[in-house]
Amino acid sequence: GLIHQIPLAALAALLVYTGYRLASPKEFIHTYKTGPEQLAIFVTTLVCVLATDLLIGVACGIVLKLLIHMFRGVSFKELFKLKYDLHETSPGHYEVKVHSSAVFSNLMSLKSDLEYLPLEKEIIFDFSNTYLIDHSFMEYVHHFASDYKRSGGQCEIKGLDQHKPMSEHPLASRKRENELVRTK
């Protein structure tokens, strides 16, 4: 009942304003600086949402991102299963060693394991055996490290020096230069 009392013109103005803010030129530039593939995914999702509906548009963006990862050499199995070891190397020191490609679609298992780590300890993320790390995974690890440090712990990310970033952005997708890691 309450929603019917709001004038449709007011709702339309609110939607246009929100849409403009989400699709402003600044957003396109920021997304491109994160990586050209991020802009392709953003534009694809936007166009598909406008052409169909929200759910189909988001699904199109996800499918495109998965296809980009497969084009870059990530196996279908690695898209959905992250291979990693999480263990305590010494009292209060934990190591997360990632062995497969680290992409948005296989992040959930690691995310749930990290929730159970005690606070105010030392955590080391080791990506030296990782073939590809996508922007979403990089962003999650960066935010996790910042939050963990703020709560009194220490968090270090290593092994990224062997990977080439796809753009100048500090959290850009990264691909390992040396193909020998793929044979492990």
Protein backbone atom coordinates (compact mmCIF):
# COMPACT_ATOMS: atom_id res chain seq x y z
CA GLY A 1 0.00 0.00 0.00
CA LEU A 2 2.72 2.45 0.94
CA ILE A 3 4.66 2.00 -2.31
CA HIS A 4 1.56 2.94 -4.33
CA GLN A 5 1.42 6.32 -2.59
CA ILE A 6 4.85 7.31 -3.92
CA PRO A 7 4.49 9.10 -7.28
CA LEU A 8 5.89 7.05 -10.18
CA ALA A 9 7.79 10.11 -11.43
CA ALA A 10 9.68 10.29 -8.12
CA LEU A 11 10.57 6.58 -8.31
CA ALA A 12 11.66 6.98 -11.93
CA ALA A 13 13.86 9.97 -11.04
CA LEU A 14 15.46 7.97 -8.23
CA LEU A 15 16.19 5.04 -10.58
CA VAL A 16 17.64 7.33 -13.27
CA TYR A 17 19.88 9.08 -10.74
CA THR A 18 21.08 5.77 -9.28
CA GLY A 19 21.67 4.34 -12.76
CA TYR A 20 23.64 7.41 -13.79
CA ARG A 21 25.86 7.17 -10.72
CA LEU A 22 26.51 3.47 -11.33
CA ALA A 23 27.25 3.96 -15.03
CA SER A 24 29.02 7.31 -14.89
CA PRO A 25 32.10 7.83 -17.06
CA LYS A 26 34.25 7.76 -13.89
CA GLU A 27 33.14 4.17 -13.23
CA PHE A 28 34.11 3.08 -16.75
CA ILE A 29 37.55 4.70 -16.41
CA HIS A 30 38.11 3.18 -12.96
CA THR A 31 37.07 -0.25 -14.20
CA TYR A 32 39.37 0.01 -17.23
CA LYS A 33 42.31 0.95 -15.01
CA THR A 34 41.66 -2.21 -12.99
CA GLY A 35 42.10 -4.20 -16.18
CA PRO A 36 40.71 -4.27 -19.73
CA GLU A 37 39.00 -7.60 -19.02
CA GLN A 38 37.22 -5.98 -16.06
CA LEU A 39 35.81 -3.33 -18.40
CA ALA A 40 34.62 -6.02 -20.84
CA ILE A 41 32.87 -7.86 -18.00
CA PHE A 42 31.36 -4.59 -16.67
CA VAL A 43 30.03 -3.51 -20.09
CA THR A 44 28.71 -6.99 -20.89
CA THR A 45 26.89 -7.18 -17.57
CA LEU A 46 25.48 -3.67 -18.00
CA VAL A 47 24.24 -4.27 -21.54
CA CYS A 48 22.72 -7.65 -20.65
CA VAL A 49 20.95 -6.20 -17.60
CA LEU A 50 19.48 -3.41 -19.73
CA ALA A 51 18.52 -5.81 -22.53
CA THR A 52 17.01 -8.51 -20.32
CA ASP A 53 16.89 -8.42 -16.53
CA LEU A 54 19.23 -8.27 -13.55
CA LEU A 55 19.65 -12.02 -13.04
CA ILE A 56 20.42 -12.78 -16.68
CA GLY A 57 22.78 -9.80 -16.90
CA VAL A 58 24.79 -10.91 -13.88
CA ALA A 59 24.90 -14.48 -15.23
CA CYS A 60 26.28 -13.15 -18.54
CA GLY A 61 29.03 -11.28 -16.69
CA ILE A 62 29.95 -14.39 -14.69
CA VAL A 63 30.04 -16.59 -17.80
CA LEU A 64 32.27 -14.06 -19.59
CA LYS A 65 34.68 -13.95 -16.64
CA LEU A 66 34.88 -17.76 -16.58
CA LEU A 67 35.53 -17.82 -20.34
CA ILE A 68 38.30 -15.22 -19.98
CA HIS A 69 39.95 -17.37 -17.30
CA MET A 70 39.71 -20.48 -19.48
CA PHE A 71 41.17 -18.51 -22.42
CA ARG A 72 44.10 -17.55 -20.18
CA GLY A 73 44.81 -21.21 -19.47
CA VAL A 74 42.87 -22.02 -16.30
CA SER A 75 41.48 -25.54 -16.46
CA PHE A 76 37.75 -26.10 -16.00
CA LYS A 77 38.40 -28.05 -12.79
CA GLU A 78 40.48 -25.21 -11.29
CA LEU A 79 37.66 -22.75 -11.92
CA PHE A 80 35.63 -24.36 -9.15
CA LYS A 81 38.16 -26.10 -6.87
CA LEU A 82 40.99 -24.24 -5.20
CA LYS A 83 44.01 -26.36 -4.25
CA TYR A 84 45.68 -24.95 -1.17
CA ASP A 85 47.30 -25.94 2.10
CA LEU A 86 46.50 -24.09 5.31
CA HIS A 87 48.60 -25.18 8.24
CA GLU A 88 50.30 -23.89 11.34
CA THR A 89 54.03 -23.87 10.60
CA SER A 90 54.92 -23.02 14.21
CA PRO A 91 52.86 -21.86 17.19
CA GLY A 92 50.99 -18.70 16.12
CA HIS A 93 52.32 -18.79 12.54
CA TYR A 94 50.00 -19.93 9.73
CA GLU A 95 50.76 -20.40 6.06
CA VAL A 96 48.26 -20.47 3.22
CA LYS A 97 50.02 -21.98 0.20
CA VAL A 98 47.92 -21.84 -2.97
CA HIS A 99 48.74 -24.45 -5.65
CA SER A 100 46.11 -23.79 -8.32
CA SER A 101 44.69 -20.77 -10.07
CA ALA A 102 43.06 -18.40 -7.58
CA VAL A 103 39.88 -17.00 -9.12
CA PHE A 104 36.58 -15.62 -7.87
CA SER A 105 34.69 -18.86 -8.47
CA ASN A 106 36.92 -20.98 -6.19
CA LEU A 107 37.40 -18.46 -3.38
CA MET A 108 34.62 -19.66 -1.06
CA SER A 109 36.44 -22.68 0.41
CA LEU A 110 39.46 -20.59 1.40
CA LYS A 111 37.23 -17.80 2.70
CA SER A 112 35.41 -20.15 5.06
CA ASP A 113 38.67 -21.68 6.35
CA LEU A 114 40.18 -18.25 7.04
CA GLU A 115 37.23 -17.32 9.26
CA TYR A 116 38.34 -19.92 11.81
CA LEU A 117 41.91 -18.67 12.16
CA PRO A 118 42.65 -17.11 15.54
CA LEU A 119 43.24 -13.37 15.76
CA GLU A 120 46.52 -11.66 16.59
CA LYS A 121 48.71 -14.32 14.96
CA GLU A 122 50.86 -14.29 11.80
CA ILE A 123 49.47 -15.41 8.45
CA ILE A 124 51.49 -15.77 5.25
CA PHE A 125 49.79 -16.16 1.87
CA ASP A 126 52.15 -17.86 -0.58
CA PHE A 127 51.19 -17.56 -4.26
CA SER A 128 54.51 -18.78 -5.69
CA ASN A 129 52.89 -21.97 -7.11
CA THR A 130 49.83 -20.19 -8.44
CA TYR A 131 49.33 -19.86 -12.19
CA LEU A 132 46.72 -17.07 -12.25
CA ILE A 133 45.26 -14.78 -9.59
CA ASP A 134 42.24 -12.74 -10.65
CA HIS A 135 41.23 -9.28 -9.49
CA SER A 136 38.45 -10.53 -7.19
CA PHE A 137 40.82 -12.91 -5.40
CA MET A 138 43.51 -10.24 -5.12
CA GLU A 139 40.99 -7.78 -3.70
CA TYR A 140 39.73 -10.30 -1.14
CA VAL A 141 43.24 -11.21 0.07
CA HIS A 142 44.22 -7.54 0.26
CA HIS A 143 41.14 -6.67 2.34
CA PHE A 144 41.62 -9.74 4.53
CA ALA A 145 45.25 -8.74 5.19
CA SER A 146 44.24 -5.15 6.04
CA ASP A 147 41.47 -6.29 8.38
CA TYR A 148 43.72 -8.88 10.04
CA LYS A 149 46.46 -6.30 10.65
CA ARG A 150 43.89 -3.88 12.09
CA SER A 151 42.80 -6.56 14.56
CA GLY A 152 46.36 -6.91 15.87
CA GLY A 153 47.75 -9.70 13.70
CA GLN A 154 50.40 -9.79 11.01
CA CYS A 155 49.67 -10.78 7.43
CA GLU A 156 52.09 -11.07 4.54
CA ILE A 157 51.51 -11.85 0.87
CA LYS A 158 54.42 -13.41 -0.99
CA GLY A 159 55.09 -15.06 -4.34
CA LEU A 160 53.51 -12.31 -6.45
CA ASP A 161 56.87 -11.14 -7.79
CA GLN A 162 56.81 -14.10 -10.20
CA HIS A 163 53.50 -12.96 -11.70
CA LYS A 164 52.90 -10.32 -14.36
CA PRO A 165 50.04 -7.90 -13.60
CA MET A 166 47.47 -7.41 -16.38
CA SER A 167 47.33 -3.65 -15.70
CA GLU A 168 48.97 -0.98 -13.56
CA HIS A 169 46.34 -1.32 -10.82
CA PRO A 170 47.84 -2.75 -7.59
CA LEU A 171 45.05 -5.36 -7.36
CA ALA A 172 45.02 -6.30 -11.05
CA SER A 173 44.81 -9.90 -12.20
CA ARG A 174 48.22 -11.55 -12.36
CA LYS A 175 49.52 -14.40 -14.45
CA ARG A 176 52.69 -16.34 -13.77
CA GLU A 177 55.35 -15.72 -16.36
CA ASN A 178 56.98 -19.15 -16.05
CA GLU A 179 54.80 -21.94 -17.50
CA LEU A 180 56.63 -24.66 -15.52
CA VAL A 181 54.19 -24.23 -12.64
CA ARG A 182 51.39 -25.68 -14.84
CA THR A 183 53.05 -29.11 -14.87
CA LYS A 184 52.88 -29.56 -11.09
